[in-house]
N, C-alpha and C. Protein backbone atom coordinates (compact mmCIF):
# COMPACT_ATOMS: atom_id res chain seq x y z
N MET A 1 -13.14 -10.91 35.52
CA MET A 1 -12.08 -10.06 35.01
C MET A 1 -12.42 -8.59 35.16
N TRP A 2 -13.70 -8.21 34.95
CA TRP A 2 -14.07 -6.79 35.08
C TRP A 2 -13.81 -6.30 36.49
N ASP A 3 -14.04 -7.16 37.51
CA ASP A 3 -13.83 -6.76 38.90
C ASP A 3 -12.37 -6.39 39.16
N GLU A 4 -11.45 -7.15 38.60
CA GLU A 4 -10.03 -6.87 38.81
C GLU A 4 -9.63 -5.53 38.21
N VAL A 5 -10.09 -5.25 37.02
CA VAL A 5 -9.76 -3.99 36.37
C VAL A 5 -10.43 -2.84 37.10
N ARG A 6 -11.62 -3.07 37.63
CA ARG A 6 -12.37 -2.03 38.33
C ARG A 6 -11.57 -1.47 39.51
N ARG A 7 -10.88 -2.32 40.19
CA ARG A 7 -10.10 -1.88 41.35
C ARG A 7 -9.02 -0.88 40.94
N GLU A 8 -8.50 -1.01 39.72
CA GLU A 8 -7.44 -0.11 39.26
C GLU A 8 -7.98 1.28 38.98
N ARG A 9 -9.17 1.36 38.41
CA ARG A 9 -9.75 2.65 38.07
C ARG A 9 -11.25 2.48 37.87
N LEU A 10 -12.05 3.34 38.45
CA LEU A 10 -13.50 3.16 38.42
C LEU A 10 -14.18 3.74 37.19
N LEU A 11 -13.60 4.73 36.55
CA LEU A 11 -14.21 5.34 35.38
C LEU A 11 -13.19 5.42 34.25
N TRP A 12 -13.64 5.05 33.04
CA TRP A 12 -12.75 5.10 31.88
C TRP A 12 -13.39 5.97 30.81
N ASP A 13 -12.59 6.43 29.86
CA ASP A 13 -13.13 7.19 28.73
C ASP A 13 -13.12 6.36 27.45
N GLN A 14 -12.83 5.08 27.59
CA GLN A 14 -12.83 4.17 26.45
C GLN A 14 -12.96 2.73 26.94
N VAL A 15 -13.27 1.84 26.03
CA VAL A 15 -13.38 0.43 26.36
C VAL A 15 -11.99 -0.19 26.18
N PRO A 16 -11.42 -0.74 27.26
CA PRO A 16 -10.12 -1.38 27.14
C PRO A 16 -10.17 -2.54 26.14
N PRO A 17 -9.08 -2.76 25.40
CA PRO A 17 -9.07 -3.81 24.37
C PRO A 17 -9.47 -5.20 24.88
N GLU A 18 -9.15 -5.50 26.14
CA GLU A 18 -9.48 -6.84 26.64
C GLU A 18 -10.99 -7.06 26.79
N PHE A 19 -11.81 -6.02 26.64
CA PHE A 19 -13.26 -6.16 26.73
C PHE A 19 -13.96 -6.14 25.37
N HIS A 20 -13.25 -5.86 24.30
CA HIS A 20 -13.88 -5.75 22.98
C HIS A 20 -14.59 -7.04 22.58
N ALA A 21 -13.92 -8.16 22.68
CA ALA A 21 -14.53 -9.43 22.28
C ALA A 21 -15.73 -9.77 23.17
N ARG A 22 -15.63 -9.45 24.43
CA ARG A 22 -16.73 -9.74 25.35
C ARG A 22 -17.97 -8.92 24.98
N LEU A 23 -17.79 -7.66 24.64
CA LEU A 23 -18.92 -6.82 24.22
C LEU A 23 -19.53 -7.36 22.93
N GLU A 24 -18.67 -7.72 21.98
CA GLU A 24 -19.18 -8.22 20.70
C GLU A 24 -19.83 -9.59 20.85
N GLY A 25 -19.52 -10.32 21.91
CA GLY A 25 -20.14 -11.61 22.16
C GLY A 25 -21.40 -11.54 22.99
N ALA A 26 -21.72 -10.33 23.49
CA ALA A 26 -22.93 -10.17 24.31
C ALA A 26 -24.17 -10.42 23.45
N PRO A 27 -25.10 -11.25 23.93
CA PRO A 27 -26.31 -11.53 23.15
C PRO A 27 -27.39 -10.46 23.29
N PHE A 28 -27.22 -9.56 24.27
CA PHE A 28 -28.21 -8.52 24.51
C PHE A 28 -27.59 -7.44 25.39
N PHE A 29 -28.29 -6.31 25.50
CA PHE A 29 -27.94 -5.26 26.44
C PHE A 29 -29.18 -4.42 26.69
N PHE A 30 -29.10 -3.52 27.64
CA PHE A 30 -30.20 -2.62 27.95
C PHE A 30 -29.78 -1.21 27.53
N LEU A 31 -30.69 -0.49 26.87
CA LEU A 31 -30.41 0.84 26.37
C LEU A 31 -31.31 1.85 27.08
N ALA A 32 -30.69 2.85 27.71
CA ALA A 32 -31.43 3.93 28.35
C ALA A 32 -31.32 5.18 27.49
N THR A 33 -32.47 5.81 27.25
CA THR A 33 -32.53 7.07 26.50
C THR A 33 -33.46 8.01 27.26
N SER A 34 -33.47 9.25 26.85
CA SER A 34 -34.47 10.17 27.39
C SER A 34 -34.76 11.22 26.33
N GLY A 35 -35.99 11.72 26.38
CA GLY A 35 -36.39 12.75 25.45
C GLY A 35 -35.92 14.11 25.92
N PRO A 36 -36.20 15.14 25.16
CA PRO A 36 -35.76 16.48 25.53
C PRO A 36 -36.43 16.99 26.81
N ASP A 37 -37.55 16.37 27.19
CA ASP A 37 -38.24 16.76 28.42
C ASP A 37 -37.68 16.04 29.64
N GLY A 38 -36.69 15.15 29.43
CA GLY A 38 -36.06 14.44 30.54
C GLY A 38 -36.73 13.13 30.90
N ARG A 39 -37.83 12.79 30.28
CA ARG A 39 -38.50 11.52 30.58
C ARG A 39 -37.66 10.37 30.05
N CYS A 40 -37.41 9.40 30.91
CA CYS A 40 -36.52 8.29 30.58
C CYS A 40 -37.25 7.11 29.98
N ASP A 41 -36.51 6.33 29.23
CA ASP A 41 -37.00 5.08 28.66
C ASP A 41 -35.84 4.10 28.67
N CYS A 42 -36.12 2.86 29.03
CA CYS A 42 -35.10 1.83 29.01
C CYS A 42 -35.65 0.66 28.20
N SER A 43 -34.85 0.16 27.28
CA SER A 43 -35.32 -0.94 26.46
C SER A 43 -34.28 -2.04 26.37
N PHE A 44 -34.79 -3.23 26.12
CA PHE A 44 -33.97 -4.42 25.93
C PHE A 44 -33.58 -4.47 24.45
N LYS A 45 -32.30 -4.66 24.18
CA LYS A 45 -31.82 -4.80 22.80
C LYS A 45 -31.19 -6.18 22.68
N GLY A 46 -31.88 -7.05 21.97
CA GLY A 46 -31.41 -8.41 21.81
C GLY A 46 -31.13 -8.73 20.37
N GLY A 47 -30.68 -9.93 20.13
CA GLY A 47 -30.38 -10.36 18.78
C GLY A 47 -29.28 -11.40 18.73
N GLY A 48 -28.75 -11.73 19.88
CA GLY A 48 -27.70 -12.73 19.94
C GLY A 48 -26.32 -12.13 19.83
N PRO A 49 -25.29 -12.96 19.98
CA PRO A 49 -23.92 -12.45 19.86
C PRO A 49 -23.74 -11.70 18.55
N GLY A 50 -23.06 -10.58 18.61
CA GLY A 50 -22.87 -9.74 17.43
C GLY A 50 -23.82 -8.56 17.38
N ILE A 51 -24.70 -8.43 18.40
CA ILE A 51 -25.63 -7.30 18.45
C ILE A 51 -24.88 -5.98 18.61
N VAL A 52 -23.66 -6.04 19.11
CA VAL A 52 -22.83 -4.85 19.28
C VAL A 52 -21.52 -5.06 18.54
N ARG A 53 -21.08 -4.03 17.87
CA ARG A 53 -19.75 -4.04 17.23
C ARG A 53 -18.91 -2.95 17.86
N VAL A 54 -17.69 -3.28 18.20
CA VAL A 54 -16.75 -2.29 18.70
C VAL A 54 -16.03 -1.74 17.48
N LEU A 55 -16.28 -0.47 17.18
CA LEU A 55 -15.64 0.16 16.02
C LEU A 55 -14.21 0.55 16.33
N ASP A 56 -14.01 1.03 17.54
CA ASP A 56 -12.69 1.32 18.09
C ASP A 56 -12.88 1.52 19.59
N ALA A 57 -11.85 1.87 20.32
CA ALA A 57 -11.93 1.95 21.77
C ALA A 57 -12.92 2.99 22.27
N ARG A 58 -13.29 3.93 21.40
CA ARG A 58 -14.19 5.00 21.82
C ARG A 58 -15.52 5.04 21.07
N ARG A 59 -15.82 3.97 20.32
CA ARG A 59 -17.09 3.92 19.59
C ARG A 59 -17.61 2.50 19.48
N ILE A 60 -18.91 2.34 19.75
CA ILE A 60 -19.59 1.07 19.52
C ILE A 60 -20.77 1.33 18.60
N ALA A 61 -21.28 0.28 17.99
CA ALA A 61 -22.44 0.39 17.11
C ALA A 61 -23.38 -0.77 17.37
N PHE A 62 -24.67 -0.52 17.16
CA PHE A 62 -25.66 -1.59 17.25
C PHE A 62 -26.77 -1.30 16.25
N PRO A 63 -27.45 -2.35 15.79
CA PRO A 63 -28.50 -2.17 14.79
C PRO A 63 -29.80 -1.67 15.40
N ASP A 64 -30.59 -1.01 14.59
CA ASP A 64 -31.94 -0.66 15.00
C ASP A 64 -32.88 -1.62 14.29
N PHE A 65 -33.20 -2.71 14.96
CA PHE A 65 -34.14 -3.67 14.41
C PHE A 65 -35.55 -3.10 14.55
N ASP A 66 -36.39 -3.36 13.55
CA ASP A 66 -37.78 -2.96 13.66
C ASP A 66 -38.42 -3.73 14.80
N GLY A 67 -39.09 -3.01 15.67
CA GLY A 67 -39.73 -3.65 16.82
C GLY A 67 -41.22 -3.43 16.77
N ASN A 68 -41.72 -2.74 17.80
CA ASN A 68 -43.16 -2.52 17.88
C ASN A 68 -43.62 -1.28 17.11
N GLY A 69 -42.70 -0.60 16.46
CA GLY A 69 -43.07 0.56 15.65
C GLY A 69 -43.24 1.85 16.44
N ALA A 70 -42.95 1.84 17.74
CA ALA A 70 -43.10 3.04 18.55
C ALA A 70 -41.91 3.99 18.38
N PHE A 71 -40.77 3.49 17.95
CA PHE A 71 -39.55 4.29 17.73
C PHE A 71 -39.17 5.13 18.94
N MET A 72 -39.38 4.57 20.13
CA MET A 72 -39.07 5.34 21.34
C MET A 72 -37.58 5.57 21.49
N SER A 73 -36.76 4.54 21.34
CA SER A 73 -35.31 4.71 21.48
C SER A 73 -34.77 5.63 20.39
N ILE A 74 -35.08 5.32 19.15
CA ILE A 74 -34.58 6.13 18.04
C ILE A 74 -35.13 7.55 18.11
N GLY A 75 -36.40 7.68 18.42
CA GLY A 75 -36.99 9.01 18.55
C GLY A 75 -36.31 9.83 19.63
N ASN A 76 -36.05 9.20 20.77
CA ASN A 76 -35.35 9.91 21.84
C ASN A 76 -33.94 10.30 21.41
N ILE A 77 -33.23 9.38 20.78
CA ILE A 77 -31.85 9.68 20.35
C ILE A 77 -31.83 10.85 19.38
N LEU A 78 -32.80 10.92 18.49
CA LEU A 78 -32.84 12.02 17.53
C LEU A 78 -33.05 13.37 18.22
N LEU A 79 -33.71 13.36 19.38
CA LEU A 79 -33.98 14.60 20.10
C LEU A 79 -32.98 14.87 21.22
N ASN A 80 -32.42 13.81 21.79
CA ASN A 80 -31.46 13.93 22.88
C ASN A 80 -30.46 12.78 22.71
N PRO A 81 -29.26 13.05 22.24
CA PRO A 81 -28.35 11.97 21.87
C PRO A 81 -27.70 11.21 23.02
N TYR A 82 -27.89 11.63 24.25
CA TYR A 82 -27.20 10.95 25.36
C TYR A 82 -27.87 9.63 25.69
N VAL A 83 -27.06 8.56 25.75
CA VAL A 83 -27.57 7.22 26.01
C VAL A 83 -26.72 6.54 27.07
N GLY A 84 -27.31 5.51 27.67
CA GLY A 84 -26.58 4.63 28.57
C GLY A 84 -26.83 3.20 28.13
N CYS A 85 -25.78 2.39 28.07
CA CYS A 85 -25.88 0.99 27.68
C CYS A 85 -25.40 0.14 28.86
N LEU A 86 -26.18 -0.82 29.25
CA LEU A 86 -25.84 -1.70 30.36
C LEU A 86 -25.70 -3.12 29.83
N PHE A 87 -24.51 -3.68 30.03
CA PHE A 87 -24.21 -5.05 29.64
C PHE A 87 -24.08 -5.89 30.90
N ILE A 88 -24.81 -7.00 30.95
CA ILE A 88 -24.75 -7.93 32.08
C ILE A 88 -24.50 -9.33 31.55
N ASP A 89 -23.52 -9.99 32.11
CA ASP A 89 -23.27 -11.40 31.78
C ASP A 89 -23.80 -12.21 32.96
N PHE A 90 -24.92 -12.88 32.75
CA PHE A 90 -25.55 -13.63 33.83
C PHE A 90 -24.82 -14.95 34.12
N ASN A 91 -23.80 -15.28 33.34
CA ASN A 91 -23.00 -16.48 33.63
C ASN A 91 -22.03 -16.22 34.77
N ASP A 92 -21.38 -15.05 34.76
CA ASP A 92 -20.40 -14.75 35.80
C ASP A 92 -20.70 -13.47 36.57
N GLY A 93 -21.80 -12.79 36.23
CA GLY A 93 -22.21 -11.60 36.96
C GLY A 93 -21.50 -10.32 36.56
N ALA A 94 -20.64 -10.38 35.57
CA ALA A 94 -19.92 -9.18 35.14
C ALA A 94 -20.88 -8.15 34.55
N ARG A 95 -20.62 -6.89 34.86
CA ARG A 95 -21.43 -5.79 34.33
C ARG A 95 -20.51 -4.70 33.79
N LEU A 96 -20.99 -4.01 32.77
CA LEU A 96 -20.25 -2.88 32.22
C LEU A 96 -21.27 -1.87 31.72
N ARG A 97 -21.09 -0.61 32.11
CA ARG A 97 -21.95 0.46 31.62
C ARG A 97 -21.17 1.32 30.65
N ILE A 98 -21.81 1.70 29.57
CA ILE A 98 -21.22 2.61 28.60
C ILE A 98 -22.18 3.78 28.42
N ASN A 99 -21.69 4.98 28.65
CA ASN A 99 -22.48 6.19 28.47
C ASN A 99 -21.84 7.03 27.37
N GLY A 100 -22.67 7.65 26.57
CA GLY A 100 -22.12 8.47 25.49
C GLY A 100 -23.18 9.15 24.67
N ARG A 101 -22.75 9.65 23.52
CA ARG A 101 -23.63 10.36 22.59
C ARG A 101 -23.88 9.45 21.38
N ALA A 102 -25.15 9.24 21.10
CA ALA A 102 -25.53 8.35 20.01
C ALA A 102 -25.90 9.14 18.76
N GLU A 103 -25.68 8.49 17.64
CA GLU A 103 -26.03 9.07 16.35
C GLU A 103 -26.68 7.97 15.52
N VAL A 104 -27.82 8.28 14.92
CA VAL A 104 -28.52 7.32 14.06
C VAL A 104 -27.96 7.49 12.65
N ARG A 105 -27.51 6.38 12.08
CA ARG A 105 -26.88 6.44 10.76
C ARG A 105 -27.59 5.50 9.80
N GLU A 106 -27.71 5.94 8.54
CA GLU A 106 -28.29 5.12 7.48
C GLU A 106 -27.42 5.16 6.23
N ASP A 107 -26.14 5.46 6.38
CA ASP A 107 -25.27 5.64 5.22
C ASP A 107 -24.48 4.38 4.89
N ASP A 108 -23.84 4.40 3.74
CA ASP A 108 -23.08 3.24 3.27
C ASP A 108 -21.92 2.88 4.19
N ALA A 109 -21.37 3.85 4.91
CA ALA A 109 -20.23 3.59 5.78
C ALA A 109 -20.55 2.60 6.88
N VAL A 110 -21.80 2.52 7.32
CA VAL A 110 -22.19 1.60 8.39
C VAL A 110 -23.11 0.49 7.90
N ALA A 111 -23.54 0.57 6.65
CA ALA A 111 -24.51 -0.41 6.13
C ALA A 111 -24.00 -1.85 6.22
N GLY A 112 -22.73 -2.08 6.05
CA GLY A 112 -22.19 -3.43 6.08
C GLY A 112 -22.04 -4.02 7.46
N LEU A 113 -22.18 -3.21 8.51
CA LEU A 113 -22.02 -3.71 9.87
C LEU A 113 -23.11 -4.71 10.23
N PHE A 114 -24.33 -4.40 9.85
CA PHE A 114 -25.49 -5.23 10.16
C PHE A 114 -26.33 -5.30 8.88
N PRO A 115 -26.07 -6.24 8.00
CA PRO A 115 -26.69 -6.28 6.67
C PRO A 115 -28.22 -6.28 6.65
N ASP A 116 -28.87 -6.78 7.69
CA ASP A 116 -30.32 -6.86 7.68
C ASP A 116 -31.00 -5.62 8.26
N CYS A 117 -30.24 -4.56 8.50
CA CYS A 117 -30.80 -3.36 9.12
C CYS A 117 -30.62 -2.13 8.26
N ARG A 118 -31.64 -1.27 8.28
CA ARG A 118 -31.56 0.00 7.55
C ARG A 118 -30.81 1.05 8.36
N ARG A 119 -30.97 0.99 9.69
CA ARG A 119 -30.38 2.00 10.56
C ARG A 119 -29.42 1.37 11.55
N VAL A 120 -28.36 2.12 11.83
CA VAL A 120 -27.38 1.70 12.82
C VAL A 120 -27.19 2.86 13.79
N VAL A 121 -27.05 2.54 15.06
CA VAL A 121 -26.77 3.55 16.07
C VAL A 121 -25.29 3.45 16.42
N VAL A 122 -24.59 4.56 16.30
CA VAL A 122 -23.18 4.63 16.66
C VAL A 122 -23.08 5.47 17.93
N VAL A 123 -22.43 4.93 18.95
CA VAL A 123 -22.29 5.63 20.23
C VAL A 123 -20.83 6.07 20.38
N ALA A 124 -20.64 7.39 20.50
CA ALA A 124 -19.34 7.95 20.84
C ALA A 124 -19.21 7.89 22.35
N ILE A 125 -18.30 7.08 22.83
CA ILE A 125 -18.18 6.78 24.26
C ILE A 125 -17.61 7.97 25.02
N GLU A 126 -18.30 8.32 26.10
CA GLU A 126 -17.82 9.37 26.99
C GLU A 126 -17.37 8.80 28.33
N GLN A 127 -18.02 7.69 28.73
CA GLN A 127 -17.72 7.12 30.04
C GLN A 127 -17.99 5.62 30.02
N VAL A 128 -17.07 4.85 30.58
CA VAL A 128 -17.24 3.42 30.75
C VAL A 128 -17.09 3.13 32.23
N VAL A 129 -18.05 2.41 32.78
CA VAL A 129 -18.06 2.13 34.22
C VAL A 129 -18.15 0.62 34.43
N PRO A 130 -17.09 -0.02 34.91
CA PRO A 130 -17.19 -1.43 35.26
C PRO A 130 -17.87 -1.55 36.63
N ASN A 131 -18.63 -2.60 36.81
CA ASN A 131 -19.31 -2.85 38.07
C ASN A 131 -18.96 -4.23 38.59
N CYS A 132 -19.10 -4.41 39.89
CA CYS A 132 -18.83 -5.71 40.47
C CYS A 132 -19.98 -6.67 40.16
N SER A 133 -19.74 -7.93 40.40
CA SER A 133 -20.74 -8.95 40.10
C SER A 133 -21.69 -9.23 41.25
N ARG A 134 -21.51 -8.51 42.35
CA ARG A 134 -22.37 -8.73 43.52
C ARG A 134 -23.84 -8.46 43.17
N HIS A 135 -24.71 -9.27 43.65
CA HIS A 135 -26.17 -9.16 43.52
C HIS A 135 -26.70 -9.50 42.12
N ILE A 136 -25.87 -10.03 41.24
CA ILE A 136 -26.34 -10.44 39.92
C ILE A 136 -26.68 -11.93 40.00
N PRO A 137 -27.91 -12.30 39.71
CA PRO A 137 -28.28 -13.73 39.78
C PRO A 137 -27.67 -14.50 38.63
N ARG A 138 -27.44 -15.77 38.85
CA ARG A 138 -26.99 -16.66 37.78
C ARG A 138 -28.24 -17.18 37.09
N LEU A 139 -28.33 -16.96 35.80
CA LEU A 139 -29.50 -17.37 35.05
C LEU A 139 -29.08 -18.36 33.98
N LEU A 140 -29.98 -19.25 33.64
CA LEU A 140 -29.76 -20.21 32.57
C LEU A 140 -30.57 -19.79 31.36
N PRO A 141 -30.01 -19.89 30.16
CA PRO A 141 -30.78 -19.52 28.96
C PRO A 141 -31.93 -20.49 28.75
N ALA A 142 -33.02 -19.96 28.25
CA ALA A 142 -34.19 -20.80 27.93
C ALA A 142 -33.87 -21.65 26.70
N ASP A 143 -34.45 -22.83 26.64
CA ASP A 143 -34.28 -23.66 25.45
C ASP A 143 -35.00 -23.00 24.30
N ALA A 144 -34.36 -23.00 23.17
CA ALA A 144 -34.97 -22.37 21.98
C ALA A 144 -35.94 -23.29 21.30
């Protein structure tokens, strides 16, 4: 489906409604950040379906789960709010990139989004880029 919409327009300033459920059903995504010196970092953000919430067509949110304690993503966001999020569905090869400005939130307004998290990252979307499924391998999930 992303390929068909891509042909109509290559860059969007919001996530079309037909993709909201797909984003919220994504079990993981990749997050790119960079510090004020321009050094990049890319991390895997997992947690299963529901790791991302679409707040509206121009904002998404995801939890900041405690990881290795390095705080690289959060630290970078606090110093340079520009982020890139890459969503890949290895079942059908669909890809979607979301670029925008992130904000780390710890207030009551976002606390209910992810009950087990102290911090939530809210991304104000500036650019959405659909990609074709070419060159994406089909992968099978590992048995749990």
